[in-house]
Amino acid sequence: MAEKAQIIEIVYEVVDEINQLLEGEKLKKAFETTLFGESGRLDSLELINFIVATEELIEKRLGIGLTISEGLAKEFENSGENHPFRTLGSIIDYVYQHVMLEVNNE
């Protein structure tokens, strides 16, 4: 069973990967770090890369095939500035919820 601590570890590992690609200010490993939006550090392509890297690492570490990027456009449209990809904390919560749905559906 996946624990939230595992999701946090995976997301923070993705932060390390993305930080290697970023010029200038790096992402901080903190729940309140804004990823995307008005004060976010990532542009839309970098956010997609972040999400895909998260999906791939979840597959590798937990053996769970998760496709959170499929609902990306819908999530932005329906939630505006409060979308689940805005901060590290919100993406951790979103990913954890989807992992638990997958685990419970097996």
Protein backbone atom coordinates (compact mmCIF):
# COMPACT_ATOMS: atom_id res chain seq x y z
CA MET A 1 0.00 0.00 0.00
CA ALA A 2 1.27 3.45 -0.90
CA GLU A 3 1.78 5.92 1.89
CA LYS A 4 1.72 9.68 1.57
CA ALA A 5 5.37 9.82 2.67
CA GLN A 6 6.27 7.79 -0.43
CA ILE A 7 4.43 10.26 -2.66
CA ILE A 8 6.23 13.18 -1.00
CA GLU A 9 9.57 11.44 -1.55
CA ILE A 10 8.75 10.81 -5.22
CA VAL A 11 7.60 14.39 -5.84
CA TYR A 12 10.70 15.79 -4.12
CA GLU A 13 12.88 13.57 -6.28
CA VAL A 14 11.14 15.04 -9.33
CA VAL A 15 11.89 18.51 -7.93
CA ASP A 16 15.58 17.56 -7.92
CA GLU A 17 15.34 16.42 -11.56
CA ILE A 18 13.52 19.57 -12.67
CA ASN A 19 15.93 21.82 -10.74
CA GLN A 20 18.79 20.43 -12.81
CA LEU A 21 17.06 21.78 -15.91
CA LEU A 22 16.04 25.18 -14.52
CA GLU A 23 18.19 28.23 -14.90
CA GLY A 24 18.13 30.78 -12.12
CA GLU A 25 15.93 30.25 -9.08
CA LYS A 26 15.29 26.62 -8.19
CA LEU A 27 12.18 25.00 -6.74
CA LYS A 28 12.20 24.61 -2.98
CA LYS A 29 11.08 21.34 -1.43
CA ALA A 30 8.21 22.82 0.54
CA PHE A 31 4.47 22.25 0.33
CA GLU A 32 3.84 25.96 -0.25
CA THR A 33 6.23 26.20 -3.24
CA THR A 34 4.23 27.58 -6.16
CA LEU A 35 4.83 25.58 -9.32
CA PHE A 36 2.52 27.21 -11.80
CA GLY A 37 0.42 30.31 -12.08
CA GLU A 38 1.05 33.99 -11.54
CA SER A 39 3.86 33.52 -9.00
CA GLY A 40 4.88 30.04 -10.17
CA ARG A 41 8.37 29.06 -11.25
CA LEU A 42 7.40 26.65 -14.08
CA ASP A 43 6.04 27.48 -17.50
CA SER A 44 3.43 25.18 -19.07
CA LEU A 45 6.00 22.89 -20.75
CA GLU A 46 8.03 22.56 -17.55
CA LEU A 47 4.84 21.74 -15.64
CA ILE A 48 4.00 18.99 -18.14
CA ASN A 49 7.55 17.62 -17.74
CA PHE A 50 7.10 17.71 -13.96
CA ILE A 51 3.84 15.77 -14.15
CA VAL A 52 5.15 13.19 -16.63
CA ALA A 53 8.30 12.66 -14.51
CA THR A 54 6.05 12.15 -11.48
CA GLU A 55 3.94 9.59 -13.34
CA GLU A 56 7.04 7.72 -14.49
CA LEU A 57 8.59 7.62 -11.03
CA ILE A 58 5.34 6.38 -9.47
CA GLU A 59 5.28 3.59 -12.04
CA LYS A 60 8.91 2.71 -11.34
CA ARG A 61 8.74 2.90 -7.53
CA LEU A 62 5.19 1.78 -6.77
CA GLY A 63 4.29 -0.23 -9.86
CA ILE A 64 1.18 1.89 -10.37
CA GLY A 65 0.40 3.17 -13.84
CA LEU A 66 -1.00 6.61 -13.17
CA THR A 67 -1.96 9.13 -15.84
CA ILE A 68 -2.64 12.36 -14.00
CA SER A 69 -1.71 14.43 -17.06
CA GLU A 70 -4.85 13.33 -18.93
CA GLY A 71 -7.07 15.52 -16.78
CA LEU A 72 -4.70 18.48 -16.79
CA ALA A 73 -6.68 20.78 -19.10
CA LYS A 74 -9.97 19.95 -17.38
CA GLU A 75 -8.48 20.63 -13.94
CA PHE A 76 -7.24 24.06 -15.05
CA GLU A 77 -10.56 24.92 -16.64
CA ASN A 78 -12.65 23.90 -13.63
CA SER A 79 -10.51 25.19 -10.79
CA GLY A 80 -8.78 28.35 -12.00
CA GLU A 81 -6.04 29.51 -9.66
CA ASN A 82 -6.85 26.72 -7.18
CA HIS A 83 -5.95 23.92 -9.59
CA PRO A 84 -4.18 20.88 -8.09
CA PHE A 85 -0.91 21.63 -9.90
CA ARG A 86 -0.41 25.07 -8.39
CA THR A 87 1.82 24.13 -5.43
CA LEU A 88 3.90 21.15 -4.38
CA GLY A 89 1.46 20.50 -1.55
CA SER A 90 -1.56 20.49 -3.86
CA ILE A 91 0.12 18.21 -6.40
CA ILE A 92 1.19 15.81 -3.61
CA ASP A 93 -2.41 15.65 -2.37
CA TYR A 94 -3.76 15.20 -5.89
CA VAL A 95 -1.30 12.44 -6.76
CA TYR A 96 -1.88 10.66 -3.44
CA GLN A 97 -5.65 10.69 -4.01
CA HIS A 98 -5.20 9.18 -7.49
CA VAL A 99 -2.75 6.57 -6.25
CA MET A 100 -5.18 5.52 -3.53
CA LEU A 101 -8.00 5.27 -6.11
CA GLU A 102 -5.82 3.00 -8.23
CA VAL A 103 -4.81 0.86 -5.23
CA ASN A 104 -8.44 0.50 -4.10
CA ASN A 105 -9.60 -0.42 -7.62
CA GLU A 106 -7.11 -3.30 -7.91
